[in-house]
């Protein structure tokens, strides 16, 4: 897998969907890169979280992933 192409595809997917939704389940990213193994996609997403391109958001029972600093909660979390 070309990591840079994978990262670019994920960011483009999130930017395209940003008007309707800002956070996604990990399984949604498997559809963005359908030819890649599930573990490779998971590792790529984790790497993007580490380099602060993406961020995790958790409700306590569910973990979602989105672009860092986007979504309704982004402003509220910075103030807390």
PDB file of N, CA and C in Angstrom:
ATOM      1  N   UNK A   1       0.847  -1.189   0.000  1.00  0.00           N
ATOM      2  CA  UNK A   1       0.000   0.000   0.000  1.00  0.00           C
ATOM      3  C   UNK A   1       0.888   1.245   0.000  1.00  0.00           C
ATOM      4  N   UNK A   2       0.557   2.191  -0.829  1.00  0.00           N
ATOM      5  CA  UNK A   2       1.215   3.488  -0.839  1.00  0.00           C
ATOM      6  C   UNK A   2       0.562   4.331   0.256  1.00  0.00           C
ATOM      7  N   UNK A   3       1.299   4.540   1.351  1.00  0.00           N
ATOM      8  CA  UNK A   3       0.728   5.235   2.508  1.00  0.00           C
ATOM      9  C   UNK A   3       0.259   6.649   2.172  1.00  0.00           C
ATOM     10  N   UNK A   4       1.053   7.371   1.413  1.00  0.00           N
ATOM     11  CA  UNK A   4       0.687   8.754   1.096  1.00  0.00           C
ATOM     12  C   UNK A   4      -0.602   8.811   0.271  1.00  0.00           C
ATOM     13  N   UNK A   5      -0.754   7.895  -0.668  1.00  0.00           N
ATOM     14  CA  UNK A   5      -1.985   7.848  -1.468  1.00  0.00           C
ATOM     15  C   UNK A   5      -3.171   7.461  -0.587  1.00  0.00           C
ATOM     16  N   UNK A   6      -2.963   6.550   0.345  1.00  0.00           N
ATOM     17  CA  UNK A   6      -4.022   6.155   1.276  1.00  0.00           C
ATOM     18  C   UNK A   6      -4.443   7.308   2.170  1.00  0.00           C
ATOM     19  N   UNK A   7      -3.453   8.034   2.696  1.00  0.00           N
ATOM     20  CA  UNK A   7      -3.758   9.197   3.546  1.00  0.00           C
ATOM     21  C   UNK A   7      -4.537  10.252   2.763  1.00  0.00           C
ATOM     22  N   UNK A   8      -4.103  10.485   1.536  1.00  0.00           N
ATOM     23  CA  UNK A   8      -4.767  11.480   0.694  1.00  0.00           C
ATOM     24  C   UNK A   8      -6.223  11.068   0.427  1.00  0.00           C
ATOM     25  N   UNK A   9      -6.455   9.780   0.149  1.00  0.00           N
ATOM     26  CA  UNK A   9      -7.808   9.288  -0.116  1.00  0.00           C
ATOM     27  C   UNK A   9      -8.704   9.459   1.112  1.00  0.00           C
ATOM     28  N   UNK A  10      -8.161   9.196   2.290  1.00  0.00           N
ATOM     29  CA  UNK A  10      -8.949   9.345   3.528  1.00  0.00           C
ATOM     30  C   UNK A  10      -9.295  10.806   3.768  1.00  0.00           C
ATOM     31  N   UNK A  11      -8.324  11.694   3.624  1.00  0.00           N
ATOM     32  CA  UNK A  11      -8.573  13.125   3.839  1.00  0.00           C
ATOM     33  C   UNK A  11      -9.596  13.648   2.830  1.00  0.00           C
ATOM     34  N   UNK A  12      -9.465  13.257   1.562  1.00  0.00           N
ATOM     35  CA  UNK A  12     -10.426  13.695   0.540  1.00  0.00           C
ATOM     36  C   UNK A  12     -11.826  13.187   0.852  1.00  0.00           C
ATOM     37  N   UNK A  13     -11.933  11.937   1.311  1.00  0.00           N
ATOM     38  CA  UNK A  13     -13.228  11.364   1.697  1.00  0.00           C
ATOM     39  C   UNK A  13     -13.854  12.181   2.827  1.00  0.00           C
ATOM     40  N   UNK A  14     -13.071  12.509   3.848  1.00  0.00           N
ATOM     41  CA  UNK A  14     -13.585  13.267   4.987  1.00  0.00           C
ATOM     42  C   UNK A  14     -13.981  14.687   4.586  1.00  0.00           C
ATOM     43  N   UNK A  15     -13.195  15.315   3.731  1.00  0.00           N
ATOM     44  CA  UNK A  15     -13.523  16.670   3.288  1.00  0.00           C
ATOM     45  C   UNK A  15     -14.793  16.678   2.440  1.00  0.00           C
ATOM     46  N   UNK A  16     -14.959  15.660   1.601  1.00  0.00           N
ATOM     47  CA  UNK A  16     -16.139  15.565   0.749  1.00  0.00           C
ATOM     48  C   UNK A  16     -17.405  15.363   1.581  1.00  0.00           C
ATOM     49  N   UNK A  17     -17.294  14.585   2.641  1.00  0.00           N
ATOM     50  CA  UNK A  17     -18.450  14.263   3.486  1.00  0.00           C
ATOM     51  C   UNK A  17     -18.673  15.280   4.603  1.00  0.00           C
ATOM     52  N   UNK A  18     -17.788  16.254   4.754  1.00  0.00           N
ATOM     53  CA  UNK A  18     -17.820  17.145   5.908  1.00  0.00           C
ATOM     54  C   UNK A  18     -19.089  17.984   6.033  1.00  0.00           C
ATOM     55  N   UNK A  19     -19.792  18.224   4.953  1.00  0.00           N
ATOM     56  CA  UNK A  19     -21.012  19.031   5.043  1.00  0.00           C
ATOM     57  C   UNK A  19     -22.140  18.282   5.745  1.00  0.00           C
ATOM     58  N   UNK A  20     -22.128  16.945   5.647  1.00  0.00           N
ATOM     59  CA  UNK A  20     -23.203  16.163   6.248  1.00  0.00           C
ATOM     60  C   UNK A  20     -22.783  15.467   7.541  1.00  0.00           C
ATOM     61  N   UNK A  21     -21.488  15.175   7.674  1.00  0.00           N
ATOM     62  CA  UNK A  21     -21.040  14.386   8.809  1.00  0.00           C
ATOM     63  C   UNK A  21     -19.553  14.637   9.033  1.00  0.00           C
ATOM     64  N   UNK A  22     -19.128  14.755  10.288  1.00  0.00           N
ATOM     65  CA  UNK A  22     -17.715  15.036  10.537  1.00  0.00           C
ATOM     66  C   UNK A  22     -16.958  13.876  11.176  1.00  0.00           C
ATOM     67  N   UNK A  23     -17.668  12.921  11.750  1.00  0.00           N
ATOM     68  CA  UNK A  23     -17.030  11.791  12.414  1.00  0.00           C
ATOM     69  C   UNK A  23     -17.544  10.479  11.832  1.00  0.00           C
ATOM     70  N   UNK A  24     -16.634   9.502  11.709  1.00  0.00           N
ATOM     71  CA  UNK A  24     -16.967   8.227  11.084  1.00  0.00           C
ATOM     72  C   UNK A  24     -16.427   7.068  11.894  1.00  0.00           C
ATOM     73  N   UNK A  25     -17.059   5.913  11.730  1.00  0.00           N
ATOM     74  CA  UNK A  25     -16.568   4.679  12.335  1.00  0.00           C
ATOM     75  C   UNK A  25     -15.338   4.217  11.566  1.00  0.00           C
ATOM     76  N   UNK A  26     -14.483   3.437  12.217  1.00  0.00           N
ATOM     77  CA  UNK A  26     -13.302   2.891  11.551  1.00  0.00           C
ATOM     78  C   UNK A  26     -13.704   2.079  10.328  1.00  0.00           C
ATOM     79  N   UNK A  27     -14.800   1.333  10.414  1.00  0.00           N
ATOM     80  CA  UNK A  27     -15.234   0.494   9.294  1.00  0.00           C
ATOM     81  C   UNK A  27     -15.552   1.309   8.036  1.00  0.00           C
ATOM     82  N   UNK A  28     -15.913   2.576   8.199  1.00  0.00           N
ATOM     83  CA  UNK A  28     -16.177   3.430   7.039  1.00  0.00           C
ATOM     84  C   UNK A  28     -14.916   3.644   6.204  1.00  0.00           C
ATOM     85  N   UNK A  29     -13.758   3.628   6.846  1.00  0.00           N
ATOM     86  CA  UNK A  29     -12.497   3.834   6.133  1.00  0.00           C
ATOM     87  C   UNK A  29     -12.105   2.600   5.328  1.00  0.00           C
ATOM     88  N   UNK A  30     -12.625   1.430   5.707  1.00  0.00           N
ATOM     89  CA  UNK A  30     -12.347   0.218   4.938  1.00  0.00           C
ATOM     90  C   UNK A  30     -12.940   0.344   3.540  1.00  0.00           C
ATOM     91  N   UNK A  31     -14.061   1.051   3.422  1.00  0.00           N
ATOM     92  CA  UNK A  31     -14.710   1.251   2.123  1.00  0.00           C
ATOM     93  C   UNK A  31     -13.953   2.271   1.271  1.00  0.00           C
ATOM     94  N   UNK A  32     -13.225   3.191   1.921  1.00  0.00           N
ATOM     95  CA  UNK A  32     -12.427   4.180   1.191  1.00  0.00           C
ATOM     96  C   UNK A  32     -11.251   3.499   0.495  1.00  0.00           C
ATOM     97  N   UNK A  33     -10.694   2.489   1.157  1.00  0.00           N
ATOM     98  CA  UNK A  33      -9.550   1.744   0.611  1.00  0.00           C
ATOM     99  C   UNK A  33      -9.922   0.265   0.522  1.00  0.00           C
ATOM    100  N   UNK A  34     -10.835  -0.086  -0.379  1.00  0.00           N
ATOM    101  CA  UNK A  34     -11.382  -1.447  -0.420  1.00  0.00           C
ATOM    102  C   UNK A  34     -10.383  -2.536  -0.812  1.00  0.00           C
ATOM    103  N   UNK A  35      -9.298  -2.182  -1.468  1.00  0.00           N
ATOM    104  CA  UNK A  35      -8.317  -3.183  -1.901  1.00  0.00           C
ATOM    105  C   UNK A  35      -7.255  -3.471  -0.844  1.00  0.00           C
ATOM    106  N   UNK A  36      -7.350  -2.774   0.292  1.00  0.00           N
ATOM    107  CA  UNK A  36      -6.357  -2.949   1.348  1.00  0.00           C
ATOM    108  C   UNK A  36      -6.889  -3.852   2.455  1.00  0.00           C
ATOM    109  N   UNK A  37      -5.981  -4.485   3.163  1.00  0.00           N
ATOM    110  CA  UNK A  37      -6.360  -5.328   4.288  1.00  0.00           C
ATOM    111  C   UNK A  37      -6.877  -4.446   5.424  1.00  0.00           C
ATOM    112  N   UNK A  38      -7.811  -4.977   6.190  1.00  0.00           N
ATOM    113  CA  UNK A  38      -8.409  -4.241   7.303  1.00  0.00           C
ATOM    114  C   UNK A  38      -7.321  -3.755   8.269  1.00  0.00           C
ATOM    115  N   UNK A  39      -6.375  -4.607   8.577  1.00  0.00           N
ATOM    116  CA  UNK A  39      -5.310  -4.242   9.516  1.00  0.00           C
ATOM    117  C   UNK A  39      -4.458  -3.091   8.969  1.00  0.00           C
ATOM    118  N   UNK A  40      -4.190  -3.088   7.667  1.00  0.00           N
ATOM    119  CA  UNK A  40      -3.404  -2.010   7.072  1.00  0.00           C
ATOM    120  C   UNK A  40      -4.134  -0.672   7.149  1.00  0.00           C
ATOM    121  N   UNK A  41      -5.451  -0.701   6.925  1.00  0.00           N
ATOM    122  CA  UNK A  41      -6.248   0.530   7.014  1.00  0.00           C
ATOM    123  C   UNK A  41      -6.257   1.029   8.457  1.00  0.00           C
ATOM    124  N   UNK A  42      -6.443   0.109   9.399  1.00  0.00           N
ATOM    125  CA  UNK A  42      -6.449   0.484  10.818  1.00  0.00           C
ATOM    126  C   UNK A  42      -5.116   1.112  11.211  1.00  0.00           C
ATOM    127  N   UNK A  43      -4.009   0.508  10.782  1.00  0.00           N
ATOM    128  CA  UNK A  43      -2.689   1.050  11.094  1.00  0.00           C
ATOM    129  C   UNK A  43      -2.481   2.425  10.464  1.00  0.00           C
ATOM    130  N   UNK A  44      -2.972   2.615   9.250  1.00  0.00           N
ATOM    131  CA  UNK A  44      -2.854   3.905   8.576  1.00  0.00           C
ATOM    132  C   UNK A  44      -3.640   4.985   9.322  1.00  0.00           C
ATOM    133  N   UNK A  45      -4.862   4.658   9.732  1.00  0.00           N
ATOM    134  CA  UNK A  45      -5.681   5.613  10.497  1.00  0.00           C
ATOM    135  C   UNK A  45      -4.989   5.958  11.815  1.00  0.00           C
ATOM    136  N   UNK A  46      -4.445   4.954  12.507  1.00  0.00           N
ATOM    137  CA  UNK A  46      -3.728   5.211  13.764  1.00  0.00           C
ATOM    138  C   UNK A  46      -2.521   6.117  13.541  1.00  0.00           C
ATOM    139  N   UNK A  47      -1.817   5.905  12.449  1.00  0.00           N
ATOM    140  CA  UNK A  47      -0.668   6.745  12.109  1.00  0.00           C
ATOM    141  C   UNK A  47      -1.121   8.193  11.861  1.00  0.00           C
ATOM    142  N   UNK A  48      -2.267   8.355  11.205  1.00  0.00           N
ATOM    143  CA  UNK A  48      -2.787   9.698  10.932  1.00  0.00           C
ATOM    144  C   UNK A  48      -3.239  10.385  12.219  1.00  0.00           C
ATOM    145  N   UNK A  49      -3.697   9.617  13.199  1.00  0.00           N
ATOM    146  CA  UNK A  49      -4.044  10.191  14.505  1.00  0.00           C
ATOM    147  C   UNK A  49      -2.766  10.643  15.209  1.00  0.00           C
ATOM    148  N   UNK A  50      -1.717   9.837  15.135  1.00  0.00           N
ATOM    149  CA  UNK A  50      -0.446  10.189  15.765  1.00  0.00           C
ATOM    150  C   UNK A  50       0.154  11.454  15.178  1.00  0.00           C
ATOM    151  N   UNK A  51       0.034  11.625  13.845  1.00  0.00           N
ATOM    152  CA  UNK A  51       0.598  12.843  13.240  1.00  0.00           C
ATOM    153  C   UNK A  51      -0.410  14.000  13.244  1.00  0.00           C
ATOM    154  N   UNK A  52      -1.523  13.808  13.953  1.00  0.00           N
ATOM    155  CA  UNK A  52      -2.544  14.830  14.213  1.00  0.00           C
ATOM    156  C   UNK A  52      -3.293  15.306  12.985  1.00  0.00           C
ATOM    157  N   UNK A  53      -3.394  14.461  11.972  1.00  0.00           N
ATOM    158  CA  UNK A  53      -4.260  14.755  10.832  1.00  0.00           C
ATOM    159  C   UNK A  53      -5.692  14.421  11.205  1.00  0.00           C
ATOM    160  N   UNK A  54      -5.854  13.292  11.913  1.00  0.00           N
ATOM    161  CA  UNK A  54      -7.161  12.834  12.372  1.00  0.00           C
ATOM    162  C   UNK A  54      -7.194  12.853  13.888  1.00  0.00           C
ATOM    163  N   UNK A  55      -8.407  12.723  14.440  1.00  0.00           N
ATOM    164  CA  UNK A  55      -8.546  12.617  15.886  1.00  0.00           C
ATOM    165  C   UNK A  55      -9.668  11.645  16.216  1.00  0.00           C
ATOM    166  N   UNK A  56      -9.516  11.013  17.371  1.00  0.00           N
ATOM    167  CA  UNK A  56     -10.570  10.146  17.884  1.00  0.00           C
ATOM    168  C   UNK A  56     -11.548  10.988  18.670  1.00  0.00           C
ATOM    169  N   UNK A  57     -12.815  10.573  18.655  1.00  0.00           N
ATOM    170  CA  UNK A  57     -13.841  11.171  19.502  1.00  0.00           C
ATOM    171  C   UNK A  57     -14.625  10.019  20.098  1.00  0.00           C
ATOM    172  N   UNK A  58     -14.832  10.051  21.398  1.00  0.00           N
ATOM    173  CA  UNK A  58     -15.520   8.952  22.048  1.00  0.00           C
ATOM    174  C   UNK A  58     -16.696   9.451  22.864  1.00  0.00           C
ATOM    175  N   UNK A  59     -17.805   8.724  22.761  1.00  0.00           N
ATOM    176  CA  UNK A  59     -18.974   9.033  23.571  1.00  0.00           C
ATOM    177  C   UNK A  59     -18.952   8.207  24.854  1.00  0.00           C
ATOM    178  N   UNK A  60     -17.974   7.356  24.986  1.00  0.00           N
ATOM    179  CA  UNK A  60     -17.897   6.453  26.122  1.00  0.00           C
ATOM    180  C   UNK A  60     -18.164   5.026  25.688  1.00  0.00           C
ATOM    181  N   UNK A  61     -19.094   4.866  24.765  1.00  0.00           N
ATOM    182  CA  UNK A  61     -19.405   3.525  24.273  1.00  0.00           C
ATOM    183  C   UNK A  61     -19.040   3.361  22.796  1.00  0.00           C
ATOM    184  N   UNK A  62     -18.850   4.464  22.114  1.00  0.00           N
ATOM    185  CA  UNK A  62     -18.559   4.439  20.684  1.00  0.00           C
ATOM    186  C   UNK A  62     -17.377   5.352  20.393  1.00  0.00           C
ATOM    187  N   UNK A  63     -16.471   4.886  19.553  1.00  0.00           N
ATOM    188  CA  UNK A  63     -15.339   5.703  19.142  1.00  0.00           C
ATOM    189  C   UNK A  63     -15.478   6.032  17.665  1.00  0.00           C
ATOM    190  N   UNK A  64     -15.395   7.316  17.365  1.00  0.00           N
ATOM    191  CA  UNK A  64     -15.480   7.791  15.988  1.00  0.00           C
ATOM    192  C   UNK A  64     -14.182   8.507  15.640  1.00  0.00           C
ATOM    193  N   UNK A  65     -13.963   8.695  14.348  1.00  0.00           N
ATOM    194  CA  UNK A  65     -12.728   9.308  13.859  1.00  0.00           C
ATOM    195  C   UNK A  65     -13.093  10.401  12.866  1.00  0.00           C
ATOM    196  N   UNK A  66     -12.406  11.542  12.961  1.00  0.00           N
ATOM    197  CA  UNK A  66     -12.650  12.635  12.018  1.00  0.00           C
ATOM    198  C   UNK A  66     -11.407  13.486  11.855  1.00  0.00           C
ATOM    199  N   UNK A  67     -11.484  14.444  10.962  1.00  0.00           N
ATOM    200  CA  UNK A  67     -10.377  15.386  10.784  1.00  0.00           C
ATOM    201  C   UNK A  67     -10.204  16.204  12.047  1.00  0.00           C
ATOM    202  N   UNK A  68      -8.981  16.433  12.446  1.00  0.00           N
ATOM    203  CA  UNK A  68      -8.705  17.182  13.664  1.00  0.00           C
ATOM    204  C   UNK A  68      -9.275  18.601  13.564  1.00  0.00           C
ATOM    205  N   UNK A  69     -10.010  19.000  14.594  1.00  0.00           N
ATOM    206  CA  UNK A  69     -10.549  20.356  14.665  1.00  0.00           C
ATOM    207  C   UNK A  69     -11.844  20.588  13.910  1.00  0.00           C
ATOM    208  N   UNK A  70     -12.506  19.537  13.432  1.00  0.00           N
ATOM    209  CA  UNK A  70     -13.771  19.712  12.724  1.00  0.00           C
ATOM    210  C   UNK A  70     -14.921  19.147  13.543  1.00  0.00           C
ATOM    211  N   UNK A  71     -16.122  19.557  13.209  1.00  0.00           N
ATOM    212  CA  UNK A  71     -17.308  19.037  13.879  1.00  0.00           C
ATOM    213  C   UNK A  71     -17.815  19.971  14.962  1.00  0.00           C
ATOM    214  N   UNK A  72     -19.009  19.699  15.419  1.00  0.00           N
ATOM    215  CA  UNK A  72     -19.659  20.544  16.415  1.00  0.00           C
ATOM    216  C   UNK A  72     -18.926  20.561  17.750  1.00  0.00           C
ATOM    217  N   UNK A  73     -18.319  19.447  18.120  1.00  0.00           N
ATOM    218  CA  UNK A  73     -17.667  19.347  19.417  1.00  0.00           C
ATOM    219  C   UNK A  73     -16.297  20.034  19.450  1.00  0.00           C
ATOM    220  N   UNK A  74     -15.708  20.320  18.325  1.00  0.00           N
ATOM    221  CA  UNK A  74     -14.341  20.837  18.265  1.00  0.00           C
ATOM    222  C   UNK A  74     -14.160  22.092  19.101  1.00  0.00           C
ATOM    223  N   UNK A  75     -15.021  23.056  18.985  1.00  0.00           N
ATOM    224  CA  UNK A  75     -14.914  24.294  19.749  1.00  0.00           C
ATOM    225  C   UNK A  75     -15.183  24.090  21.220  1.00  0.00           C
ATOM    226  N   UNK A  76     -16.147  23.277  21.557  1.00  0.00           N
ATOM    227  CA  UNK A  76     -16.509  23.030  22.939  1.00  0.00           C
ATOM    228  C   UNK A  76     -15.400  22.287  23.682  1.00  0.00           C
ATOM    229  N   UNK A  77     -14.727  21.362  23.007  1.00  0.00           N
ATOM    230  CA  UNK A  77     -13.678  20.591  23.661  1.00  0.00           C
ATOM    231  C   UNK A  77     -12.454  21.443  23.936  1.00  0.00           C
ATOM    232  N   UNK A  78     -12.164  22.411  23.090  1.00  0.00           N
ATOM    233  CA  UNK A  78     -11.011  23.267  23.296  1.00  0.00           C
ATOM    234  C   UNK A  78     -11.179  24.143  24.527  1.00  0.00           C
ATOM    235  N   UNK A  79     -12.411  24.511  24.842  1.00  0.00           N
ATOM    236  CA  UNK A  79     -12.690  25.385  25.977  1.00  0.00           C
ATOM    237  C   UNK A  79     -12.641  24.644  27.296  1.00  0.00           C
ATOM    238  N   UNK A  80     -12.875  23.352  27.277  1.00  0.00           N
ATOM    239  CA  UNK A  80     -12.953  22.569  28.517  1.00  0.00           C
ATOM    240  C   UNK A  80     -11.611  22.320  29.143  1.00  0.00           C
TER     241      UNK A  80
END
